Amino acid sequence: MTLQAAQALLDQALQAMADRRWGAAMDQLDRAIALAPGQAALHTNLALVLDEMGEPQSAMEHLSIALDVDPAQPLVHLNLGVLAARTGALALAEQANRYAIQLQTSLAAAWSNLGSLLDNTHRAPEAEACLRHALTLEPRNASARFNLACLLLRDGRYAEAWPLWETRDWPVHQALPWSCPRWRGERLEGMRVLVVQDAGLGDTIQFARYLRGLRRLGASRIDLICQAPLQALMQQLQDVHTVWNWADSAQALNCAPWDVWIPVMSLAAYPDGQDTTALEPRPYLKPTECRKEVWKSRLSPTQKDQRLRICLVAQGNPDFPHDAQRSIRDLEVLAPLQSVSDIEWIHLRGKSVSRGFDAEEPAWELGDLVDTAGLLACVDLLICVDTAIAHLAGAMGIPCWLLLPDYLCDWRWQRRGTQSAWYASMRLFRQVTPGDWASVVNQVNDALQAPGSVDAIRSLRLPQTSA
């Protein structure tokens, strides 16, 4: 009778989960577990609910209970590995994926997840072997193809990587308000091309460099749809006829005279993406003169030639999936930088702009990214974590020191080294171990105080031009 009651509650919980009523599902599963605590299925489903409700640690506890009841569950090990990797329990994540593979050697998802984890913990050869084995098991497995693309991109193996990159999770493809076909690399003689934003602001900025290649392929007109904060900035691109954003009406977009369309990051997969001139160190974005003059008037002139004006950005968008790895949440770790003399600090937190290193009250609020570009044009150096402003500085040729995490460092910064393959004005500072921002700050501190640092920083600035 008790097991029947628990099963009835599980059935109700499953229906609530299907309807995304997570609170109701959790209530039903809690009641079921009270009746039958030794039923593994109750704990695995509660783990799914807890994860959806933003409680991954509690979810992991219930997956562990389910495995205590029945350890021969490859999918439960797989799910535990996913949550462990997400919460930074890397040893547990690796162990869970290896257990899943041991129990079910044909489980492509476990091979893919293990490969991604190994890639992000500096074991690329074994990672590549795992990912290729996953694709042997399931050649069209999107996760394995994407993870292998990231590995290859980190290694600079672009020709192999870009076709696989097409399996990425592109967020705006579900309901497209235009009817023209997608471009697949054919000649564009006389064609009108619509290029569409990708997931992040930084993605769109980085891959805007490829727009000029469409002209070389014969496009007669290039239009761009991008995120609203980028619209005014992208209007500075010489090769672009019209820049739209997603706020524009679907009817207006559907009436526009395009022959083909393509996501902006997909441009790299076609002929110009194999051309190393796309990585030429010339800037392709610039601020408007009026916004630049606004910031020049706001910021006091530097007192002498040896005084640097540095813009600091320590945190990115908190909603970004890997923000816990890339952002510096404890700003006290930056304190050593305050001891460096002859620096005027401009601190950005979101849209707030503050004078000084640790000012409590913002002096100004930023508008769109043209406004941000105007501010960057008035500083000697940007020091920042991996967020969109780094791409903006790189695309403008502004000196940028980029602070990078050890675990889940983005593929575009490759595996090692201090130079960026994408931006000539950028210098990379890397964590030595996961979460160790203190070592990064010490590297930056040493670089700022090195003999000749002022001239070295200013020499990184490239002439600002349009694409």
Foldseek 3Di string as FASTA:
>chain_A
DLLVQLVVLCVVLVVCVVVVVLVSNLVSLVVSCVSPVLALVSLQVNLVSCVVVVNNVSSLVSLVSSCVSPVLDLVSLQVNLVSCVLVVVLVSNLVSLVSSCVNPVLPLSSLLSNLLSCLLQVNNVSSLVSLVVSCVSPVVPLSSLCSNLLSCLLVVVLQVNLVSVVSDCWPPPPDALADAAADDADQAAAFAEEEEEGDALQLCLLLVLLLVVNVVSHHPAYEYEYDPLCQVFVVQAPRHDYYHYPVPDSVVVHPDDGNHYYYSNSSLNYDVVVPLCSQDAAAATAADPVLLVVLPVVDDDQPDLQAFEEEEAQFDDPVPSVRVQFHDPPCVLLVVLVPQPRYWYWYDDPQFTCTDDDDPHGPDGADGVSNVRSNLVPGLEYEYTPHNVVSVCQNQQHAYEYEAFSGPGGSQQHHDDQQGSRGQNYGYFYDPHGPCCNVSSVVVSCLSPDPPSSVVSNVSRHHGDHD
